[in-house]
Amino acid sequence: MIIQVRVSPRASRALVQKNDVGYKVYCTRPAVDGEANAQVIELIADFFKVKKYRVRIIRGDTSRTKTLEISDE
């Protein structure tokens, strides 16, 4: 499954919300050295109840808008 995610780093709480375009992810970690990306993967994996290794960033490594792939195998 491929999803669109909009990331908000340095938020006051870690949260995933579904909206009409895709998902909004609020990260408490800053966007430095991939810390926010790592937390995005953790939060999405928890939201979809899959292991972290099943979630990967396809596009948007350095952007706030990311495309993620969640594999089911």
Protein backbone atom coordinates (compact mmCIF):
# COMPACT_ATOMS: atom_id res chain seq x y z
CA MET A 1 0.00 0.00 0.00
CA ILE A 2 1.31 3.47 -0.87
CA ILE A 3 0.22 6.51 1.16
CA GLN A 4 0.88 10.26 1.15
CA VAL A 5 2.04 11.80 4.42
CA ARG A 6 2.48 15.43 5.47
CA VAL A 7 4.96 15.77 8.36
CA SER A 8 5.04 18.43 11.05
CA PRO A 9 8.34 18.13 12.96
CA ARG A 10 8.90 19.49 16.48
CA ALA A 11 5.23 19.21 17.39
CA SER A 12 4.15 19.16 21.02
CA ARG A 13 2.88 15.57 20.74
CA ALA A 14 3.35 12.57 18.46
CA LEU A 15 0.16 11.88 16.52
CA VAL A 16 -1.14 10.49 13.21
CA GLN A 17 -4.35 11.89 11.70
CA LYS A 18 -6.14 10.83 8.54
CA ASN A 19 -7.36 13.65 6.31
CA ASP A 20 -8.89 13.93 2.83
CA VAL A 21 -5.52 13.97 1.03
CA GLY A 22 -3.67 11.33 3.05
CA TYR A 23 -2.23 11.43 6.56
CA LYS A 24 -0.84 14.15 8.78
CA VAL A 25 1.96 13.06 11.11
CA TYR A 26 3.03 15.21 14.05
CA CYS A 27 6.57 14.37 15.22
CA THR A 28 8.17 15.53 18.44
CA ARG A 29 11.69 15.07 17.06
CA PRO A 30 13.43 17.71 14.93
CA ALA A 31 14.12 17.23 11.23
CA VAL A 32 17.87 16.82 11.80
CA ASP A 33 19.95 13.76 10.84
CA GLY A 34 16.82 11.79 9.92
CA GLU A 35 15.35 11.84 13.42
CA ALA A 36 11.90 12.99 12.25
CA ASN A 37 11.91 10.41 9.42
CA ALA A 38 12.67 7.64 11.91
CA GLN A 39 9.81 8.79 14.13
CA VAL A 40 7.45 9.00 11.11
CA ILE A 41 8.22 5.35 10.33
CA GLU A 42 7.62 4.38 13.98
CA LEU A 43 4.31 6.27 14.18
CA ILE A 44 2.97 4.97 10.85
CA ALA A 45 3.96 1.40 11.75
CA ASP A 46 2.13 1.74 15.06
CA PHE A 47 -0.91 3.36 13.40
CA PHE A 48 -1.26 0.54 10.83
CA LYS A 49 -0.18 -2.13 13.35
CA VAL A 50 2.75 -3.44 11.30
CA LYS A 51 6.45 -3.86 12.06
CA LYS A 52 8.73 -0.87 11.41
CA TYR A 53 10.74 -2.71 8.75
CA ARG A 54 7.57 -2.94 6.61
CA VAL A 55 7.36 0.87 6.27
CA ARG A 56 9.75 2.73 4.00
CA ILE A 57 10.01 6.20 2.54
CA ILE A 58 9.81 6.06 -1.25
CA ARG A 59 9.85 9.79 -1.98
CA GLY A 60 10.41 12.96 0.03
CA ASP A 61 13.30 12.08 2.31
CA THR A 62 14.11 15.76 2.87
CA SER A 63 10.61 17.13 2.28
CA ARG A 64 7.63 17.57 4.60
CA THR A 65 5.45 15.76 2.05
CA LYS A 66 6.44 12.11 1.83
CA THR A 67 5.30 9.04 -0.02
CA LEU A 68 5.47 5.89 2.09
CA GLU A 69 5.14 2.26 1.14
CA ILE A 70 3.71 -0.23 3.63
CA SER A 71 4.45 -3.78 2.58
CA ASP A 72 2.23 -6.62 3.74
CA GLU A 73 4.83 -9.35 3.33
